[in-house]
Amino acid sequence: MASRPSTRKGTCELHDVFCERVIARRKELGLTQLDMAERLRITQPTYSSIERGRRIPGIDTLAKIADALEIDPAQLLTITRQHAKSA
């Protein structure tokens, strides 16, 4: 199966899916990047870097992001058939 080109330089498809889902869920909840940064106790520029794919969060940060977004961490990391078809 051929993978789709990444939208972010130097990242993989899974990382792209993660970033897309974090942004979508944050917006669904009506949260700003600053809201998320405060919940995670990091700076807004650091949080923005995570959303843009410039920074890859560690396991602990990933769990905190999922908790702040009220979502199971697996939902942020699972590549669905829909994503595979768009590849």
Protein backbone atom coordinates (compact mmCIF):
# COMPACT_ATOMS: atom_id res chain seq x y z
CA MET A 1 0.00 0.00 0.00
CA ALA A 2 1.48 3.35 -1.02
CA SER A 3 1.37 6.04 1.60
CA ARG A 4 0.10 9.50 0.84
CA PRO A 5 2.58 12.34 0.90
CA SER A 6 2.82 14.04 4.25
CA THR A 7 1.37 17.50 4.61
CA ARG A 8 4.18 18.34 7.00
CA LYS A 9 7.84 18.08 6.05
CA GLY A 10 9.50 15.08 7.64
CA THR A 11 6.43 13.53 9.24
CA CYS A 12 4.60 10.27 8.68
CA GLU A 13 0.96 9.58 7.92
CA LEU A 14 0.19 8.63 11.53
CA HIS A 15 1.57 11.93 12.78
CA ASP A 16 -0.54 13.81 10.23
CA VAL A 17 -3.66 11.93 11.36
CA PHE A 18 -2.84 12.74 14.99
CA CYS A 19 -2.48 16.46 14.24
CA GLU A 20 -5.70 16.58 12.21
CA ARG A 21 -7.68 14.84 14.95
CA VAL A 22 -6.30 17.00 17.75
CA ILE A 23 -7.23 20.18 15.86
CA ALA A 24 -10.69 18.89 14.92
CA ARG A 25 -11.52 17.74 18.45
CA ARG A 26 -10.23 20.95 20.03
CA LYS A 27 -12.47 22.97 17.72
CA GLU A 28 -15.45 20.65 18.42
CA LEU A 29 -15.05 21.47 22.11
CA GLY A 30 -14.75 25.19 21.38
CA LEU A 31 -11.27 25.39 22.85
CA THR A 32 -8.46 27.68 21.73
CA GLN A 33 -4.82 26.75 21.54
CA LEU A 34 -4.28 28.86 24.64
CA ASP A 35 -6.99 26.90 26.49
CA MET A 36 -5.23 23.67 25.58
CA ALA A 37 -1.82 24.99 26.54
CA GLU A 38 -3.14 26.02 29.95
CA ARG A 39 -4.74 22.60 30.49
CA LEU A 40 -1.45 20.92 29.56
CA ARG A 41 0.65 23.42 31.52
CA ILE A 42 2.80 24.26 28.52
CA THR A 43 3.17 27.45 26.52
CA GLN A 44 0.84 28.29 23.65
CA PRO A 45 3.74 28.29 21.13
CA THR A 46 4.73 24.79 22.30
CA TYR A 47 1.14 23.58 21.92
CA SER A 48 0.91 25.20 18.49
CA SER A 49 4.07 23.34 17.47
CA ILE A 50 2.41 20.06 18.43
CA GLU A 51 -0.70 20.84 16.37
CA ARG A 52 1.36 21.89 13.37
CA GLY A 53 3.45 18.74 13.54
CA ARG A 54 6.70 20.49 14.34
CA ARG A 55 6.94 18.83 17.74
CA ILE A 56 6.09 15.21 18.50
CA PRO A 57 4.59 14.78 21.97
CA GLY A 58 5.86 12.11 24.32
CA ILE A 59 3.57 9.44 25.74
CA ASP A 60 2.79 11.45 28.87
CA THR A 61 1.92 14.57 26.88
CA LEU A 62 -0.15 12.53 24.44
CA ALA A 63 -2.16 11.14 27.37
CA LYS A 64 -2.66 14.67 28.74
CA ILE A 65 -3.80 15.92 25.32
CA ALA A 66 -6.33 13.08 25.06
CA ASP A 67 -7.56 13.80 28.59
CA ALA A 68 -7.94 17.53 27.85
CA LEU A 69 -9.85 16.65 24.67
CA GLU A 70 -12.04 14.14 26.52
CA ILE A 71 -11.10 11.40 24.06
CA ASP A 72 -9.41 8.01 24.20
CA PRO A 73 -5.73 8.31 23.16
CA ALA A 74 -6.24 5.47 20.67
CA GLN A 75 -8.72 7.61 18.75
CA LEU A 76 -5.97 10.14 18.13
CA LEU A 77 -3.59 7.49 16.79
CA THR A 78 -5.69 5.01 14.82
CA ILE A 79 -5.54 5.15 11.04
CA THR A 80 -8.99 4.27 9.75
CA ARG A 81 -9.94 2.81 6.40
CA GLN A 82 -11.16 6.26 5.42
CA HIS A 83 -7.65 7.66 5.91
CA ALA A 84 -6.10 4.66 4.15
CA LYS A 85 -8.39 5.19 1.13
CA SER A 86 -7.31 8.83 0.82
CA ALA A 87 -3.68 7.70 0.69
